[in-house]
Amino acid sequence: MESKTIAALLFIVVIVGINFVMYGIVRGFMNSGQKSRSMWETLSKSLAPNVKNKDEEFQELRKKIEELEKNGKG
């Protein structure tokens, strides 16, 4: 009984892992415009968050907060 449970959980983990990898591959190929990049580079870049865009969004938010503070005090 216990070995069947372990086998079932292992099967589920393997299926989830394969789905995650396939999602990353497809997302990477859809986002990449360059064919020269390797599959692993494309996969790693597609799974990594885009830090530059997040920084730009936070910078815009900071500017908006500063404008609101200036307008509220003036």
C-alpha atoms as a PDB file:
ATOM      1  CA  MET A   1       0.000   0.000   0.000  1.00  0.00           C
ATOM      2  CA  GLU A   2       2.732   2.436   0.968  1.00  0.00           C
ATOM      3  CA  SER A   3       4.815   1.713  -2.128  1.00  0.00           C
ATOM      4  CA  LYS A   4       1.795   2.419  -4.350  1.00  0.00           C
ATOM      5  CA  THR A   5       1.332   5.803  -2.685  1.00  0.00           C
ATOM      6  CA  ILE A   6       4.995   6.691  -3.146  1.00  0.00           C
ATOM      7  CA  ALA A   7       4.856   5.602  -6.783  1.00  0.00           C
ATOM      8  CA  ALA A   8       1.730   7.708  -7.384  1.00  0.00           C
ATOM      9  CA  LEU A   9       3.308  10.795  -5.804  1.00  0.00           C
ATOM     10  CA  LEU A  10       6.507  10.282  -7.790  1.00  0.00           C
ATOM     11  CA  PHE A  11       4.463   9.993 -10.980  1.00  0.00           C
ATOM     12  CA  ILE A  12       2.637  13.247 -10.208  1.00  0.00           C
ATOM     13  CA  VAL A  13       5.910  15.067  -9.464  1.00  0.00           C
ATOM     14  CA  VAL A  14       7.435  13.851 -12.731  1.00  0.00           C
ATOM     15  CA  ILE A  15       4.390  14.986 -14.740  1.00  0.00           C
ATOM     16  CA  VAL A  16       4.364  18.415 -13.084  1.00  0.00           C
ATOM     17  CA  GLY A  17       8.103  18.789 -13.695  1.00  0.00           C
ATOM     18  CA  ILE A  18       7.771  17.883 -17.364  1.00  0.00           C
ATOM     19  CA  ASN A  19       4.905  20.363 -17.778  1.00  0.00           C
ATOM     20  CA  PHE A  20       6.982  23.125 -16.177  1.00  0.00           C
ATOM     21  CA  VAL A  21       9.922  22.488 -18.518  1.00  0.00           C
ATOM     22  CA  MET A  22       7.680  22.365 -21.589  1.00  0.00           C
ATOM     23  CA  TYR A  23       5.996  25.616 -20.555  1.00  0.00           C
ATOM     24  CA  GLY A  24       9.393  27.290 -20.253  1.00  0.00           C
ATOM     25  CA  ILE A  25      10.552  26.011 -23.630  1.00  0.00           C
ATOM     26  CA  VAL A  26       7.422  27.145 -25.447  1.00  0.00           C
ATOM     27  CA  ARG A  27       7.397  30.515 -23.700  1.00  0.00           C
ATOM     28  CA  GLY A  28      11.052  31.023 -24.547  1.00  0.00           C
ATOM     29  CA  PHE A  29      10.631  30.195 -28.189  1.00  0.00           C
ATOM     30  CA  MET A  30       7.617  32.449 -28.486  1.00  0.00           C
ATOM     31  CA  ASN A  31       9.498  35.361 -26.875  1.00  0.00           C
ATOM     32  CA  SER A  32      12.806  34.918 -28.661  1.00  0.00           C
ATOM     33  CA  GLY A  33      13.349  36.590 -31.972  1.00  0.00           C
ATOM     34  CA  GLN A  34      16.863  35.246 -32.362  1.00  0.00           C
ATOM     35  CA  LYS A  35      17.520  31.767 -33.689  1.00  0.00           C
ATOM     36  CA  SER A  36      21.200  31.840 -32.698  1.00  0.00           C
ATOM     37  CA  ARG A  37      20.521  31.429 -28.974  1.00  0.00           C
ATOM     38  CA  SER A  38      20.710  27.963 -27.533  1.00  0.00           C
ATOM     39  CA  MET A  39      17.683  26.226 -26.088  1.00  0.00           C
ATOM     40  CA  TRP A  40      19.078  26.396 -22.532  1.00  0.00           C
ATOM     41  CA  GLU A  41      19.816  30.109 -22.784  1.00  0.00           C
ATOM     42  CA  THR A  42      16.328  30.748 -24.120  1.00  0.00           C
ATOM     43  CA  LEU A  43      14.802  28.628 -21.360  1.00  0.00           C
ATOM     44  CA  SER A  44      16.738  30.371 -18.592  1.00  0.00           C
ATOM     45  CA  LYS A  45      15.917  33.843 -19.913  1.00  0.00           C
ATOM     46  CA  SER A  46      12.240  33.008 -20.284  1.00  0.00           C
ATOM     47  CA  LEU A  47      11.944  31.772 -16.698  1.00  0.00           C
ATOM     48  CA  ALA A  48      13.917  34.657 -15.159  1.00  0.00           C
ATOM     49  CA  PRO A  49      11.868  37.739 -14.254  1.00  0.00           C
ATOM     50  CA  ASN A  50      12.491  40.825 -16.317  1.00  0.00           C
ATOM     51  CA  VAL A  51      14.199  43.000 -13.726  1.00  0.00           C
ATOM     52  CA  LYS A  52      14.647  46.025 -15.971  1.00  0.00           C
ATOM     53  CA  ASN A  53      10.914  46.389 -16.642  1.00  0.00           C
ATOM     54  CA  LYS A  54      10.130  46.045 -12.933  1.00  0.00           C
ATOM     55  CA  ASP A  55      12.631  48.791 -12.090  1.00  0.00           C
ATOM     56  CA  GLU A  56      11.097  51.068 -14.713  1.00  0.00           C
ATOM     57  CA  GLU A  57       7.618  50.441 -13.334  1.00  0.00           C
ATOM     58  CA  PHE A  58       8.751  51.251  -9.794  1.00  0.00           C
ATOM     59  CA  GLN A  59      10.487  54.410 -11.039  1.00  0.00           C
ATOM     60  CA  GLU A  60       7.254  55.543 -12.704  1.00  0.00           C
ATOM     61  CA  LEU A  61       5.355  54.806  -9.507  1.00  0.00           C
ATOM     62  CA  ARG A  62       7.846  56.831  -7.439  1.00  0.00           C
ATOM     63  CA  LYS A  63       7.519  59.792  -9.819  1.00  0.00           C
ATOM     64  CA  LYS A  64       3.742  59.641  -9.622  1.00  0.00           C
ATOM     65  CA  ILE A  65       3.846  59.547  -5.815  1.00  0.00           C
ATOM     66  CA  GLU A  66       6.192  62.562  -5.760  1.00  0.00           C
ATOM     67  CA  GLU A  67       3.833  64.477  -8.083  1.00  0.00           C
ATOM     68  CA  LEU A  68       0.862  63.660  -5.888  1.00  0.00           C
ATOM     69  CA  GLU A  69       2.749  64.751  -2.767  1.00  0.00           C
ATOM     70  CA  LYS A  70       3.728  68.054  -4.411  1.00  0.00           C
ATOM     71  CA  ASN A  71       0.172  68.696  -5.571  1.00  0.00           C
ATOM     72  CA  GLY A  72      -1.242  67.854  -2.146  1.00  0.00           C
ATOM     73  CA  LYS A  73       1.118  70.225  -0.311  1.00  0.00           C
ATOM     74  CA  GLY A  74       0.852  73.090  -2.817  1.00  0.00           C
END
